[in-house]
């Protein structure tokens, strides 16, 4: 497989993952994703932002999230986010530190 085809397939897979998370499974909470997998929609939007920044594109966190989510975070939260239990919040703190905190530390 040539490198351009590989890039196109990877981009197609990313677009399908985004559709799955943003349209097909809006019921899946970010906190549950982070606790189980070590990443969530916000991580994906951050990776998008980091890729843009590495290529000299000035993009902030809010802009990247709005591109990935297709709406503002406030709109997403109001439409889809549910209240997390204290246990989920505690597990999230551990998962965040293990998966995100070490990257920024």
Protein backbone atom coordinates (compact mmCIF):
# COMPACT_ATOMS: atom_id res chain seq x y z
CA UNK A 1 0.00 0.00 0.00
CA UNK A 2 1.37 3.42 -0.89
CA UNK A 3 1.64 6.11 1.80
CA UNK A 4 -1.10 8.35 0.33
CA UNK A 5 -3.59 5.47 0.36
CA UNK A 6 -2.62 4.69 3.95
CA UNK A 7 -3.19 8.34 4.94
CA UNK A 8 -6.60 8.32 3.23
CA UNK A 9 -7.64 5.09 4.95
CA UNK A 10 -6.51 6.36 8.34
CA UNK A 11 -8.44 9.61 7.77
CA UNK A 12 -11.54 7.63 6.76
CA UNK A 13 -11.25 5.48 9.90
CA UNK A 14 -10.92 8.62 12.05
CA UNK A 15 -14.00 10.18 10.42
CA UNK A 16 -15.95 6.97 11.07
CA UNK A 17 -14.81 6.90 14.71
CA UNK A 18 -15.90 10.52 15.09
CA UNK A 19 -19.31 9.75 13.55
CA UNK A 20 -19.72 6.75 15.84
CA UNK A 21 -18.96 8.81 18.95
CA UNK A 22 -20.74 11.99 17.94
CA UNK A 23 -23.83 10.63 16.21
CA UNK A 24 -24.30 6.90 16.82
CA UNK A 25 -23.34 6.65 20.51
CA UNK A 26 -24.03 9.99 22.14
CA UNK A 27 -25.23 7.95 25.13
CA UNK A 28 -21.67 6.91 25.95
CA UNK A 29 -20.30 9.40 28.46
CA UNK A 30 -16.78 10.83 28.19
CA UNK A 31 -16.09 9.92 31.81
CA UNK A 32 -16.93 6.26 31.10
CA UNK A 33 -14.70 6.25 28.02
CA UNK A 34 -11.80 7.75 29.98
CA UNK A 35 -12.26 5.35 32.87
CA UNK A 36 -12.36 2.30 30.57
CA UNK A 37 -10.04 3.24 27.72
CA UNK A 38 -7.85 6.09 28.91
CA UNK A 39 -9.17 8.51 26.27
CA UNK A 40 -12.40 10.27 25.39
CA UNK A 41 -13.86 12.71 22.88
CA UNK A 42 -11.95 15.56 24.50
CA UNK A 43 -8.69 13.65 24.00
CA UNK A 44 -9.51 13.16 20.34
CA UNK A 45 -10.21 16.86 19.94
CA UNK A 46 -6.94 17.67 21.75
CA UNK A 47 -5.00 15.35 19.44
CA UNK A 48 -6.65 17.13 16.50
CA UNK A 49 -5.55 20.48 17.95
CA UNK A 50 -2.01 19.22 18.57
CA UNK A 51 -1.77 17.97 14.97
CA UNK A 52 -2.94 21.37 13.70
CA UNK A 53 -0.49 23.23 15.95
CA UNK A 54 2.39 20.99 14.83
CA UNK A 55 1.60 22.05 11.25
CA UNK A 56 1.66 25.74 12.14
CA UNK A 57 -2.13 26.13 12.33
CA UNK A 58 -3.13 28.31 15.27
CA UNK A 59 -5.95 26.41 16.97
CA UNK A 60 -7.05 26.52 20.58
CA UNK A 61 -8.79 23.92 22.71
CA UNK A 62 -12.27 25.39 22.32
CA UNK A 63 -11.95 25.68 18.54
CA UNK A 64 -10.72 22.08 18.25
CA UNK A 65 -13.55 20.82 20.44
CA UNK A 66 -16.14 22.68 18.41
CA UNK A 67 -14.71 21.21 15.19
CA UNK A 68 -14.69 17.69 16.65
CA UNK A 69 -18.03 17.90 18.46
CA UNK A 70 -19.77 19.85 15.73
CA UNK A 71 -21.05 22.19 18.45
CA UNK A 72 -19.76 24.01 21.50
CA UNK A 73 -18.94 22.06 24.64
CA UNK A 74 -21.79 23.83 26.43
CA UNK A 75 -24.22 22.62 23.75
CA UNK A 76 -22.85 19.06 23.95
CA UNK A 77 -23.08 18.98 27.73
CA UNK A 78 -26.63 20.33 27.73
CA UNK A 79 -27.73 17.79 25.13
CA UNK A 80 -25.86 14.63 26.11
CA UNK A 81 -23.85 14.78 29.32
CA UNK A 82 -25.29 13.19 32.45
CA UNK A 83 -24.26 13.61 36.08
CA UNK A 84 -21.37 11.35 37.10
CA UNK A 85 -21.34 9.53 40.41
CA UNK A 86 -18.64 10.21 42.99
CA UNK A 87 -17.13 6.80 42.19
CA UNK A 88 -16.89 7.62 38.48
CA UNK A 89 -15.37 11.00 39.27
CA UNK A 90 -12.73 9.41 41.51
CA UNK A 91 -11.90 6.81 38.85
CA UNK A 92 -11.66 9.61 36.30
CA UNK A 93 -9.05 11.44 38.38
CA UNK A 94 -6.88 8.31 38.33
CA UNK A 95 -7.47 7.64 34.62
CA UNK A 96 -6.78 11.27 33.70
CA UNK A 97 -3.53 11.35 35.66
CA UNK A 98 -2.38 8.04 34.18
CA UNK A 99 -3.30 8.89 30.58
CA UNK A 100 -3.29 12.66 30.20
CA UNK A 101 -1.50 14.16 33.19
CA UNK A 102 1.77 12.35 32.48
CA UNK A 103 1.77 13.74 28.92
CA UNK A 104 1.51 17.31 30.17
CA UNK A 105 3.78 16.92 33.19
